[in-house]
């Protein structure tokens, strides 16, 4: 969501946003459709075998196998210009860290791709966020993580992790507000 609200900046810097998950093609298409993300390329990697596993972005122990949150910026020559891998499904970095690496590649702008799926999407897809749930989820995360950070103490390692989660939640809520303004 946070990167998706920066698509103009991403394409202007010569990159594309690719979202890879273990979800099947129907869930991928449903996510793109529900969120209006036709300029994001969605890729399904069931079992994490083709993409996620080789990039160390797959946890086979969590929920029978799930992708770890991550951001990898690949330069045109195939080398990694930036890498972040979350510790678990809830560990997401703020997006500010990727911009210096992307800008440092000095690429020319690209036309936004249009991702289209020929998969039929059913209206009752369960198990992923509907836009109406996003704000409530991340606001609850922010408040809960803040309470945990205060109890643990901000000077402890665990307190710092909780404060990182507060920051991620705030960044997600800012992105949500921007996304809503664009899609109304």
Protein backbone atom coordinates (compact mmCIF):
# COMPACT_ATOMS: atom_id res chain seq x y z
CA UNK A 1 0.00 0.00 0.00
CA UNK A 2 2.69 2.47 0.97
CA UNK A 3 4.74 1.88 -2.16
CA UNK A 4 1.59 1.78 -4.28
CA UNK A 5 0.84 5.38 -3.28
CA UNK A 6 4.23 6.34 -4.75
CA UNK A 7 3.82 4.80 -8.20
CA UNK A 8 4.48 8.09 -9.98
CA UNK A 9 7.77 8.43 -8.12
CA UNK A 10 8.69 4.78 -8.75
CA UNK A 11 7.98 4.97 -12.49
CA UNK A 12 9.65 8.38 -12.72
CA UNK A 13 12.80 6.81 -11.26
CA UNK A 14 12.74 4.06 -13.89
CA UNK A 15 11.29 1.17 -11.88
CA UNK A 16 8.19 -0.97 -11.59
CA UNK A 17 6.49 -2.29 -8.46
CA UNK A 18 6.07 -6.07 -8.38
CA UNK A 19 4.08 -7.71 -5.58
CA UNK A 20 4.91 -11.39 -5.11
CA UNK A 21 2.98 -13.64 -2.74
CA UNK A 22 2.00 -17.27 -2.27
CA UNK A 23 -1.59 -16.37 -3.11
CA UNK A 24 -3.06 -17.94 -6.22
CA UNK A 25 -3.96 -16.00 -9.37
CA UNK A 26 -7.58 -15.45 -8.27
CA UNK A 27 -6.53 -13.83 -4.98
CA UNK A 28 -3.88 -11.77 -6.78
CA UNK A 29 -6.44 -10.51 -9.28
CA UNK A 30 -8.93 -9.87 -6.47
CA UNK A 31 -6.38 -7.77 -4.59
CA UNK A 32 -5.55 -5.70 -7.66
CA UNK A 33 -9.23 -5.23 -8.46
CA UNK A 34 -10.37 -4.34 -4.94
CA UNK A 35 -7.58 -1.85 -4.42
CA UNK A 36 -7.44 -0.38 -7.94
CA UNK A 37 -3.78 -1.33 -8.35
CA UNK A 38 -3.56 -1.90 -12.08
CA UNK A 39 -0.09 -0.29 -12.27
CA UNK A 40 1.34 -2.86 -9.85
CA UNK A 41 2.47 -6.17 -11.30
CA UNK A 42 1.12 -9.06 -9.18
CA UNK A 43 2.95 -12.39 -9.31
CA UNK A 44 1.75 -15.64 -7.76
CA UNK A 45 4.41 -17.97 -6.32
CA UNK A 46 2.54 -20.88 -4.66
CA UNK A 47 4.78 -22.65 -2.18
CA UNK A 48 7.40 -19.90 -2.55
CA UNK A 49 9.46 -22.13 -4.79
CA UNK A 50 10.18 -20.03 -7.87
CA UNK A 51 10.78 -16.54 -6.46
CA UNK A 52 10.22 -16.14 -2.72
CA UNK A 53 12.34 -19.06 -1.50
CA UNK A 54 15.43 -18.26 -3.59
CA UNK A 55 15.21 -14.64 -2.36
CA UNK A 56 14.93 -15.75 1.31
CA UNK A 57 11.45 -14.24 1.48
CA UNK A 58 9.56 -17.41 2.41
CA UNK A 59 8.80 -18.85 5.85
CA UNK A 60 7.64 -22.47 5.45
CA UNK A 61 6.90 -22.74 9.20
CA UNK A 62 4.34 -19.90 9.41
CA UNK A 63 0.77 -20.84 8.45
CA UNK A 64 1.94 -23.70 6.25
CA UNK A 65 4.15 -21.36 4.26
CA UNK A 66 3.89 -17.61 3.84
CA UNK A 67 5.89 -14.86 2.21
CA UNK A 68 7.90 -12.61 4.49
CA UNK A 69 7.48 -8.90 3.94
CA UNK A 70 10.38 -7.61 1.97
CA UNK A 71 11.59 -5.09 -0.53
CA UNK A 72 14.27 -5.91 -3.01
CA UNK A 73 15.43 -3.40 -5.58
CA UNK A 74 17.09 -5.08 -8.53
CA UNK A 75 19.28 -2.98 -10.83
CA UNK A 76 19.09 -3.44 -14.60
CA UNK A 77 22.27 -5.54 -14.52
CA UNK A 78 20.62 -7.99 -12.08
CA UNK A 79 22.48 -6.94 -8.94
CA UNK A 80 20.67 -6.00 -5.76
CA UNK A 81 20.66 -2.28 -5.06
CA UNK A 82 18.57 -2.58 -1.88
CA UNK A 83 17.25 -5.41 0.32
CA UNK A 84 14.98 -5.55 3.33
CA UNK A 85 13.51 -8.75 4.73
CA UNK A 86 11.05 -8.66 7.62
CA UNK A 87 11.52 -10.90 10.66
CA UNK A 88 7.91 -12.14 10.42
CA UNK A 89 4.67 -11.34 8.60
CA UNK A 90 4.12 -8.14 10.62
CA UNK A 91 7.65 -6.73 10.30
CA UNK A 92 7.59 -4.17 7.53
CA UNK A 93 10.10 -1.44 6.95
CA UNK A 94 9.21 2.13 6.25
CA UNK A 95 9.56 2.89 2.58
CA UNK A 96 11.83 5.89 3.01
CA UNK A 97 14.88 3.64 3.04
CA UNK A 98 14.45 2.49 -0.54
CA UNK A 99 14.42 5.93 -2.19
CA UNK A 100 18.16 6.74 -2.00
CA UNK A 101 19.00 3.36 -3.55
CA UNK A 102 16.43 3.81 -6.33
CA UNK A 103 17.48 7.39 -7.07
CA UNK A 104 21.12 6.27 -7.04
CA UNK A 105 20.52 4.03 -10.06
CA UNK A 106 19.98 7.15 -12.24
CA UNK A 107 17.48 5.45 -14.55
CA UNK A 108 15.15 7.21 -16.92
CA UNK A 109 11.39 7.22 -16.39
CA UNK A 110 9.30 4.27 -17.54
CA UNK A 111 5.70 4.17 -18.64
CA UNK A 112 3.49 2.65 -15.97
CA UNK A 113 2.60 -0.93 -16.84
CA UNK A 114 -1.03 -1.94 -16.84
CA UNK A 115 -1.52 -5.27 -15.13
CA UNK A 116 -4.56 -7.08 -16.43
CA UNK A 117 -5.74 -10.50 -15.38
CA UNK A 118 -8.10 -12.76 -17.28
CA UNK A 119 -8.95 -14.59 -14.04
CA UNK A 120 -12.55 -14.39 -12.83
CA UNK A 121 -12.73 -12.79 -9.39
CA UNK A 122 -15.56 -13.74 -7.07
CA UNK A 123 -17.05 -10.94 -4.97
CA UNK A 124 -16.83 -12.96 -1.72
CA UNK A 125 -13.06 -13.47 -1.54
CA UNK A 126 -12.12 -14.06 2.10
CA UNK A 127 -8.79 -13.71 3.82
CA UNK A 128 -7.39 -10.41 2.62
CA UNK A 129 -8.07 -6.83 3.45
CA UNK A 130 -11.00 -5.10 2.01
CA UNK A 131 -10.33 -1.37 1.76
CA UNK A 132 -12.92 -0.65 4.46
CA UNK A 133 -10.87 -2.68 7.01
CA UNK A 134 -7.47 -1.11 6.40
CA UNK A 135 -7.68 1.95 8.66
CA UNK A 136 -9.14 0.05 11.61
CA UNK A 137 -6.46 -2.66 11.37
CA UNK A 138 -3.47 -0.33 11.27
CA UNK A 139 -4.88 2.08 13.85
CA UNK A 140 -5.34 -0.88 16.21
CA UNK A 141 -1.78 -2.00 15.44
CA UNK A 142 -0.44 1.46 16.19
CA UNK A 143 -2.24 1.78 19.52
CA UNK A 144 -1.36 -1.75 20.63
CA UNK A 145 2.31 -1.47 19.64
CA UNK A 146 2.58 1.90 21.37
CA UNK A 147 1.17 0.42 24.60
CA UNK A 148 3.63 -2.49 24.41
CA UNK A 149 6.54 -0.10 23.76
CA UNK A 150 5.61 1.98 26.80
CA UNK A 151 5.38 -1.09 29.03
CA UNK A 152 8.68 -2.52 27.84
CA UNK A 153 10.44 0.82 27.88
CA UNK A 154 11.68 2.55 24.74
CA UNK A 155 15.30 1.94 25.75
CA UNK A 156 14.96 -1.86 25.52
CA UNK A 157 15.47 -3.86 22.33
CA UNK A 158 11.90 -5.17 22.45
CA UNK A 159 10.61 -1.64 23.07
CA UNK A 160 12.49 -0.44 19.99
CA UNK A 161 10.89 -3.21 17.89
CA UNK A 162 7.46 -2.14 19.16
CA UNK A 163 8.25 1.50 18.26
CA UNK A 164 9.30 0.38 14.76
CA UNK A 165 5.87 -1.22 14.47
CA UNK A 166 4.22 2.04 15.60
CA UNK A 167 6.12 3.85 12.83
CA UNK A 168 5.13 1.25 10.22
CA UNK A 169 1.50 1.58 11.28
CA UNK A 170 1.64 5.39 11.05
CA UNK A 171 3.25 5.18 7.59
CA UNK A 172 0.53 2.75 6.50
CA UNK A 173 -2.21 5.06 7.79
CA UNK A 174 -0.67 8.03 5.91
CA UNK A 175 -0.57 5.93 2.75
CA UNK A 176 -4.18 4.87 3.34
CA UNK A 177 -5.28 8.51 3.59
CA UNK A 178 -3.44 9.37 0.36
CA UNK A 179 -4.82 6.31 -1.44
CA UNK A 180 -8.37 7.16 -0.36
CA UNK A 181 -8.01 10.71 -1.64
CA UNK A 182 -6.86 9.41 -5.04
CA UNK A 183 -9.56 6.77 -5.44
CA UNK A 184 -12.62 8.73 -4.40
